[in-house]
Amino acid sequence: MKATGLLGAASFMPLPSLAMDGTITKTIAADCTLIPSETAGPFPLDLTANTFYLRQDIRESQQGVPLNLRLKVLGVTNCQPMSNVRVNIWHCNKDGVYSGYNTNNNPGDASSTFLRGYQITDAQGEVTFKTIFPGWYNGRITHIHFQVYVSSSYSAVSQLTFDIEQKNTLFTAHKDIYTKGNDPLTFSSDNIFSDGYTVQLATLTRNETTGEYESYMEIAVQGEGTLGVGHIEKENAKYFSLGQNYPNPYHKDISIPLTLHQSGRVVIELFDLNGKKLLVLHDNQLSEGDHTVSFTMDNLGLPVAPYLYQITFTNIHGTFTDIKMMTPQ
């Protein structure tokens, strides 16, 4: 975890790199349109095993107009929210430079980590990031990359953009920050959005009280609530099944159901959305069968808020983990 956390980075959410589905096409089901698959771009970073990137605030020291980005993930089959899926985002800074690279067309710092991060969707299928409004660079209109990891057999990779007039109004109002001026490209001249952009257009509104900008977009991906499981999920299923806390959304009293198919040591830990371990809910040897870990937020001394709970199961066959989001009322 981060330097302020208590858990080693290698042991938290060790999800594998997931394959991109190159067969995605635009289809309509209910009120949802499947998000088109786009390139991950020339400057991606694999955030899979690096839990440093589990964070809502991805700005670090980058200067720019504050942007609160909220994304909602839906299953295209029934247009219902997908909870407990991982969403990665990454984008350039105000000058059009990405972190993690230093090349001729991206003169930056290869060791930098700004403007990249991931979150786990809540009971409403939503994640929120605190970032800055991105700039632009030659050949590309202003955009944000995102990747939705549904399971270890499927992830959706795409990009979002903004209304041109609203975006350039922001640039004009903040010329002191965005010194390159307005974005000169149109959707038709951008090699990603020239074939269509309507389902990749995020809202952009200014909060008159704070001066910050709010952005929202819904992302429909393959599946119905829960997609068919992949390799890691199948491996976990040999040994345990971690249920969703109930009730969810919760108020104060919480129960976490757990089924063990073999006996083993079970550790259940609670984390905040910035990846800091708050406490251990359970650490003990458990027998095969159904179990429930119950607690109340009052007894834990924690406020009612969104949290992540992780199980680590260990026996002679190895160590296996799973994680879920608990959503407050």
Protein backbone atom coordinates (compact mmCIF):
# COMPACT_ATOMS: atom_id res chain seq x y z
CA MET A 1 0.00 0.00 0.00
CA LYS A 2 1.10 3.60 0.17
CA ALA A 3 3.78 4.59 2.65
CA THR A 4 1.05 5.56 5.11
CA GLY A 5 -0.71 2.21 4.78
CA LEU A 6 -0.08 -0.93 6.79
CA LEU A 7 -0.27 -3.61 4.11
CA GLY A 8 2.44 -4.63 1.67
CA ALA A 9 1.66 -3.70 -1.91
CA ALA A 10 2.12 -7.23 -3.25
CA SER A 11 -0.65 -8.65 -1.08
CA PHE A 12 -3.50 -6.28 -1.94
CA MET A 13 -5.79 -7.08 -4.86
CA PRO A 14 -3.29 -9.00 -7.03
CA LEU A 15 -5.40 -8.96 -10.16
CA PRO A 16 -3.75 -10.09 -13.41
CA SER A 17 -3.47 -8.20 -16.67
CA LEU A 18 -6.71 -8.78 -18.53
CA ALA A 19 -7.22 -9.35 -22.23
CA MET A 20 -8.82 -6.72 -24.42
CA ASP A 21 -11.82 -7.97 -26.38
CA GLY A 22 -11.18 -6.99 -29.98
CA THR A 23 -14.61 -8.16 -31.16
CA ILE A 24 -16.64 -5.39 -29.52
CA THR A 25 -19.16 -3.72 -31.79
CA LYS A 26 -21.78 -1.12 -31.04
CA THR A 27 -25.10 -2.73 -30.08
CA ILE A 28 -28.15 -1.41 -28.28
CA ALA A 29 -29.84 -3.28 -25.43
CA ALA A 30 -32.55 -1.60 -23.37
CA ASP A 31 -31.33 2.02 -22.99
CA CYS A 32 -27.64 1.07 -23.08
CA THR A 33 -25.18 1.20 -25.93
CA LEU A 34 -22.09 -0.97 -25.64
CA ILE A 35 -19.02 1.24 -25.25
CA PRO A 36 -16.86 0.99 -28.38
CA SER A 37 -13.43 -0.53 -27.96
CA GLU A 38 -10.59 1.94 -28.51
CA THR A 39 -6.82 1.78 -28.38
CA ALA A 40 -5.16 2.05 -24.99
CA GLY A 41 -2.97 4.67 -26.64
CA PRO A 42 0.81 5.07 -26.76
CA PHE A 43 1.24 5.83 -23.06
CA PRO A 44 -0.56 3.19 -20.95
CA LEU A 45 0.84 1.76 -17.74
CA ASP A 46 -0.11 -1.60 -16.25
CA LEU A 47 -1.72 -0.64 -12.93
CA THR A 48 -2.74 -4.23 -12.19
CA ALA A 49 -0.30 -5.22 -9.47
CA ASN A 50 0.67 -1.73 -8.33
CA THR A 51 -1.68 -0.87 -5.51
CA PHE A 52 -0.18 2.63 -5.26
CA TYR A 53 -2.72 3.55 -7.93
CA LEU A 54 -5.74 2.58 -5.81
CA ARG A 55 -6.71 6.19 -5.14
CA GLN A 56 -9.48 8.67 -5.82
CA ASP A 57 -7.25 11.74 -5.99
CA ILE A 58 -4.84 11.20 -8.88
CA ARG A 59 -3.56 14.78 -9.23
CA GLU A 60 -0.35 14.65 -7.17
CA SER A 61 1.31 18.04 -7.81
CA GLN A 62 -0.20 18.65 -11.24
CA GLN A 63 -1.68 22.10 -11.83
CA GLY A 64 -4.99 22.50 -13.63
CA VAL A 65 -8.68 23.21 -13.24
CA PRO A 66 -10.06 20.70 -10.68
CA LEU A 67 -12.30 18.04 -12.23
CA ASN A 68 -14.51 15.59 -10.33
CA LEU A 69 -15.09 12.68 -12.72
CA ARG A 70 -17.88 10.20 -11.96
CA LEU A 71 -18.31 7.07 -14.08
CA LYS A 72 -21.17 4.57 -13.88
CA VAL A 73 -20.68 1.03 -15.22
CA LEU A 74 -23.72 -0.84 -16.58
CA GLY A 75 -24.21 -4.36 -17.92
CA VAL A 76 -25.42 -3.98 -21.49
CA THR A 77 -27.69 -7.05 -21.29
CA ASN A 78 -30.11 -5.54 -18.77
CA CYS A 79 -28.75 -1.99 -18.29
CA GLN A 80 -28.25 -2.58 -14.56
CA PRO A 81 -25.25 -1.38 -12.50
CA MET A 82 -22.15 -3.54 -12.25
CA SER A 83 -20.71 -3.44 -8.74
CA ASN A 84 -17.25 -4.56 -7.61
CA VAL A 85 -15.52 -4.10 -10.97
CA ARG A 86 -12.26 -2.20 -11.28
CA VAL A 87 -12.05 1.00 -13.33
CA ASN A 88 -8.67 2.43 -14.41
CA ILE A 89 -8.29 5.95 -15.79
CA TRP A 90 -5.29 7.84 -17.13
CA HIS A 91 -4.81 11.07 -19.06
CA CYS A 92 -2.30 13.79 -19.92
CA ASN A 93 -1.63 16.91 -17.87
CA LYS A 94 -2.54 20.49 -18.80
CA ASP A 95 0.36 20.62 -21.28
CA GLY A 96 -0.48 17.34 -23.01
CA VAL A 97 2.18 15.20 -21.29
CA TYR A 98 1.61 11.72 -19.78
CA SER A 99 3.34 10.39 -16.67
CA GLY A 100 5.56 7.34 -16.85
CA TYR A 101 7.16 8.16 -20.20
CA ASN A 102 9.98 10.30 -21.58
CA THR A 103 10.02 10.17 -25.38
CA ASN A 104 10.40 12.59 -28.28
CA ASN A 105 6.62 13.02 -28.52
CA ASN A 106 6.11 12.94 -24.74
CA PRO A 107 8.95 14.88 -23.09
CA GLY A 108 8.32 13.97 -19.47
CA ASP A 109 9.61 11.89 -16.57
CA ALA A 110 9.60 8.10 -16.95
CA SER A 111 9.39 7.68 -13.16
CA SER A 112 6.38 9.98 -12.70
CA THR A 113 2.96 8.61 -11.70
CA PHE A 114 0.52 11.54 -11.94
CA LEU A 115 -3.01 11.41 -13.38
CA ARG A 116 -3.38 7.63 -13.21
CA GLY A 117 -5.46 5.56 -10.80
CA TYR A 118 -8.20 3.03 -10.23
CA GLN A 119 -11.27 2.50 -8.07
CA ILE A 120 -13.81 -0.31 -7.45
CA THR A 121 -17.43 0.36 -8.43
CA ASP A 122 -19.95 0.68 -5.59
CA ALA A 123 -23.48 -0.76 -5.29
CA GLN A 124 -24.68 1.77 -7.89
CA GLY A 125 -21.88 0.76 -10.27
CA GLU A 126 -20.12 4.11 -9.79
CA VAL A 127 -16.56 5.32 -9.24
CA THR A 128 -15.36 8.87 -8.63
CA PHE A 129 -11.96 10.43 -9.32
CA LYS A 130 -10.50 13.77 -8.26
CA THR A 131 -8.31 15.00 -11.09
CA ILE A 132 -7.63 18.04 -13.30
CA PHE A 133 -9.11 18.84 -16.68
CA PRO A 134 -6.67 17.45 -19.26
CA GLY A 135 -5.03 19.53 -21.94
CA TRP A 136 -4.44 18.43 -25.51
CA TYR A 137 -1.53 17.54 -27.74
CA ASN A 138 -0.89 17.51 -31.48
CA GLY A 139 -3.09 15.05 -33.34
CA ARG A 140 -5.49 14.30 -30.49
CA ILE A 141 -8.54 16.05 -29.15
CA THR A 142 -8.87 16.38 -25.35
CA HIS A 143 -9.67 12.94 -23.93
CA ILE A 144 -9.42 10.57 -20.95
CA HIS A 145 -8.55 6.88 -21.24
CA PHE A 146 -10.39 4.31 -19.15
CA GLN A 147 -10.44 0.55 -18.75
CA VAL A 148 -13.16 -1.48 -17.02
CA TYR A 149 -11.92 -4.83 -15.67
CA VAL A 150 -15.04 -6.99 -15.46
CA SER A 151 -13.29 -10.32 -14.90
CA SER A 152 -9.96 -11.95 -15.65
CA SER A 153 -11.38 -12.98 -19.03
CA TYR A 154 -12.78 -9.63 -20.18
CA SER A 155 -12.05 -5.93 -19.92
CA ALA A 156 -13.41 -2.98 -21.88
CA VAL A 157 -10.89 -0.37 -23.03
CA SER A 158 -12.10 2.96 -24.37
CA GLN A 159 -11.83 6.76 -24.18
CA LEU A 160 -14.12 9.65 -23.31
CA THR A 161 -14.19 13.25 -24.48
CA PHE A 162 -16.15 16.46 -23.97
CA ASP A 163 -18.39 18.89 -25.82
CA ILE A 164 -16.10 21.12 -27.88
CA GLU A 165 -17.74 24.45 -27.01
CA GLN A 166 -17.87 23.70 -23.27
CA LYS A 167 -14.29 22.48 -23.26
CA ASN A 168 -12.90 25.49 -25.11
CA THR A 169 -14.88 27.82 -22.86
CA LEU A 170 -12.96 26.26 -19.95
CA PHE A 171 -9.64 26.73 -21.74
CA THR A 172 -10.47 30.35 -22.57
CA ALA A 173 -11.47 31.11 -18.97
CA HIS A 174 -8.17 29.71 -17.70
CA LYS A 175 -5.62 30.94 -20.23
CA ASP A 176 -3.10 31.40 -17.45
CA ILE A 177 -3.13 27.63 -16.86
CA TYR A 178 -3.80 26.21 -20.32
CA THR A 179 -1.20 28.29 -22.15
CA LYS A 180 -1.50 26.31 -25.41
CA GLY A 181 -4.93 27.85 -25.90
CA ASN A 182 -8.09 26.23 -27.22
CA ASP A 183 -8.11 22.70 -28.59
CA PRO A 184 -7.96 23.10 -32.40
CA LEU A 185 -9.31 19.64 -33.30
CA THR A 186 -12.86 18.57 -34.05
CA PHE A 187 -14.36 15.12 -33.57
CA SER A 188 -14.14 14.43 -37.30
CA SER A 189 -10.42 15.27 -37.36
CA ASP A 190 -9.57 13.04 -34.38
CA ASN A 191 -8.54 9.52 -35.35
CA ILE A 192 -10.40 7.96 -32.39
CA PHE A 193 -13.71 9.83 -32.41
CA SER A 194 -14.08 10.45 -36.14
CA ASP A 195 -16.22 7.30 -36.49
CA GLY A 196 -18.60 8.35 -33.70
CA TYR A 197 -18.48 9.79 -30.22
CA THR A 198 -22.02 10.16 -28.86
CA VAL A 199 -21.74 7.38 -26.24
CA GLN A 200 -18.24 8.59 -25.27
CA LEU A 201 -19.25 12.20 -24.55
CA ALA A 202 -19.03 13.04 -20.86
CA THR A 203 -20.94 15.93 -19.31
CA LEU A 204 -19.02 19.01 -18.20
CA THR A 205 -20.54 21.51 -15.77
CA ARG A 206 -19.02 24.13 -13.50
CA ASN A 207 -19.85 24.19 -9.81
CA GLU A 208 -20.49 27.87 -9.22
CA THR A 209 -19.81 27.53 -5.49
CA THR A 210 -16.42 25.82 -5.64
CA GLY A 211 -15.29 26.77 -9.14
CA GLU A 212 -14.53 23.12 -9.82
CA TYR A 213 -15.92 21.19 -12.76
CA GLU A 214 -18.10 18.09 -12.59
CA SER A 215 -18.16 15.39 -15.26
CA TYR A 216 -20.32 12.27 -15.58
CA MET A 217 -20.63 9.42 -18.07
CA GLU A 218 -22.29 6.00 -18.18
CA ILE A 219 -20.31 3.08 -19.58
CA ALA A 220 -22.14 -0.03 -20.80
CA VAL A 221 -19.98 -3.16 -20.95
CA GLN A 222 -20.64 -6.76 -21.85
CA GLY A 223 -22.54 -8.75 -19.23
CA GLU A 224 -25.53 -8.71 -16.92
CA GLY A 225 -24.55 -7.50 -13.50
CA THR A 226 -21.92 -10.18 -13.14
CA LEU A 227 -20.06 -11.54 -16.13
CA GLY A 228 -18.89 -15.12 -16.45
CA VAL A 229 -15.84 -15.61 -14.27
CA GLY A 230 -12.29 -16.01 -15.50
CA HIS A 231 -9.22 -17.89 -14.31
CA ILE A 232 -8.59 -16.08 -11.02
CA GLU A 233 -12.25 -16.24 -10.05
CA LYS A 234 -12.33 -19.97 -10.83
CA GLU A 235 -9.25 -20.56 -8.70
CA ASN A 236 -10.81 -18.69 -5.77
CA ALA A 237 -14.05 -20.65 -6.17
CA LYS A 238 -12.20 -23.90 -5.38
CA TYR A 239 -11.56 -22.64 -1.87
CA PHE A 240 -14.03 -19.91 -0.91
CA SER A 241 -16.87 -17.64 -1.95
CA LEU A 242 -16.99 -14.09 -0.59
CA GLY A 243 -20.48 -12.62 -0.50
CA GLN A 244 -21.66 -9.04 -0.74
CA ASN A 245 -22.14 -7.40 2.65
CA TYR A 246 -25.75 -7.04 3.71
CA PRO A 247 -27.57 -4.82 3.83
CA ASN A 248 -25.97 -2.98 0.92
CA PRO A 249 -26.23 -0.01 0.88
CA TYR A 250 -25.67 -0.19 4.63
CA HIS A 251 -26.38 2.17 7.52
CA LYS A 252 -24.39 0.98 10.54
CA ASP A 253 -24.83 -2.76 11.13
CA ILE A 254 -23.04 -4.95 8.58
CA SER A 255 -22.69 -8.69 7.93
CA ILE A 256 -20.24 -10.25 5.48
CA PRO A 257 -21.14 -13.80 4.34
CA LEU A 258 -18.38 -16.24 3.52
CA THR A 259 -18.42 -19.86 2.38
CA LEU A 260 -15.28 -22.00 2.71
CA HIS A 261 -14.96 -25.11 0.59
CA GLN A 262 -11.84 -26.08 2.52
CA SER A 263 -10.54 -25.09 5.93
CA GLY A 264 -7.88 -22.41 6.14
CA ARG A 265 -6.77 -19.14 7.65
CA VAL A 266 -9.09 -16.24 6.84
CA VAL A 267 -8.08 -12.59 7.15
CA ILE A 268 -10.67 -9.90 6.38
CA GLU A 269 -9.38 -6.33 6.26
CA LEU A 270 -11.07 -2.97 5.76
CA PHE A 271 -9.62 -0.24 3.50
CA ASP A 272 -10.61 3.28 2.56
CA LEU A 273 -10.92 4.32 -1.08
CA ASN A 274 -7.38 5.65 -1.15
CA GLY A 275 -5.95 2.23 -0.35
CA LYS A 276 -5.15 2.78 3.33
CA LYS A 277 -5.77 -0.23 5.56
CA LEU A 278 -7.96 0.83 8.47
CA LEU A 279 -8.25 -2.33 10.53
CA VAL A 280 -8.51 -6.12 10.54
CA LEU A 281 -12.09 -7.37 10.92
CA HIS A 282 -11.17 -11.03 11.26
CA ASP A 283 -7.99 -13.13 11.47
CA ASN A 284 -8.44 -16.75 12.41
CA GLN A 285 -8.50 -20.35 11.22
CA LEU A 286 -11.97 -21.33 9.95
CA SER A 287 -13.46 -24.70 9.10
CA GLU A 288 -15.20 -25.67 5.88
CA GLY A 289 -18.76 -24.33 5.65
CA ASP A 290 -20.76 -21.11 5.85
CA HIS A 291 -19.58 -18.25 8.04
CA THR A 292 -20.65 -14.66 8.75
CA VAL A 293 -18.52 -11.81 10.02
CA SER A 294 -20.75 -9.14 11.62
CA PHE A 295 -19.89 -5.75 13.05
CA THR A 296 -21.24 -2.22 13.52
CA MET A 297 -19.53 0.97 12.46
CA ASP A 298 -20.09 2.50 15.90
CA ASN A 299 -18.03 -0.25 17.55
CA LEU A 300 -15.27 0.20 14.97
CA GLY A 301 -15.16 3.94 15.58
CA LEU A 302 -15.51 4.67 11.88
CA PRO A 303 -17.96 6.95 10.07
CA VAL A 304 -20.54 5.53 7.68
CA ALA A 305 -18.76 5.84 4.33
CA PRO A 306 -17.73 3.75 1.32
CA TYR A 307 -15.12 1.12 2.15
CA LEU A 308 -13.42 -1.86 0.54
CA TYR A 309 -13.20 -5.19 2.35
CA GLN A 310 -10.70 -7.83 1.31
CA ILE A 311 -10.46 -11.50 2.19
CA THR A 312 -7.15 -13.34 2.16
CA PHE A 313 -7.56 -17.12 2.36
CA THR A 314 -4.50 -19.29 3.02
CA ASN A 315 -4.06 -23.05 3.28
CA ILE A 316 -1.64 -25.70 2.00
CA HIS A 317 -2.64 -24.91 -1.60
CA GLY A 318 -1.60 -21.26 -1.46
CA THR A 319 -2.98 -17.78 -0.81
CA PHE A 320 -6.05 -16.42 -2.60
CA THR A 321 -7.77 -13.04 -2.34
CA ASP A 322 -11.00 -11.28 -3.28
CA ILE A 323 -12.32 -7.78 -2.63
CA LYS A 324 -15.70 -6.05 -2.60
CA MET A 325 -17.07 -2.56 -2.07
CA MET A 326 -19.52 -1.68 0.71
CA THR A 327 -21.74 1.29 -0.05
CA PRO A 328 -23.32 3.59 2.56
CA GLN A 329 -26.96 4.68 2.44
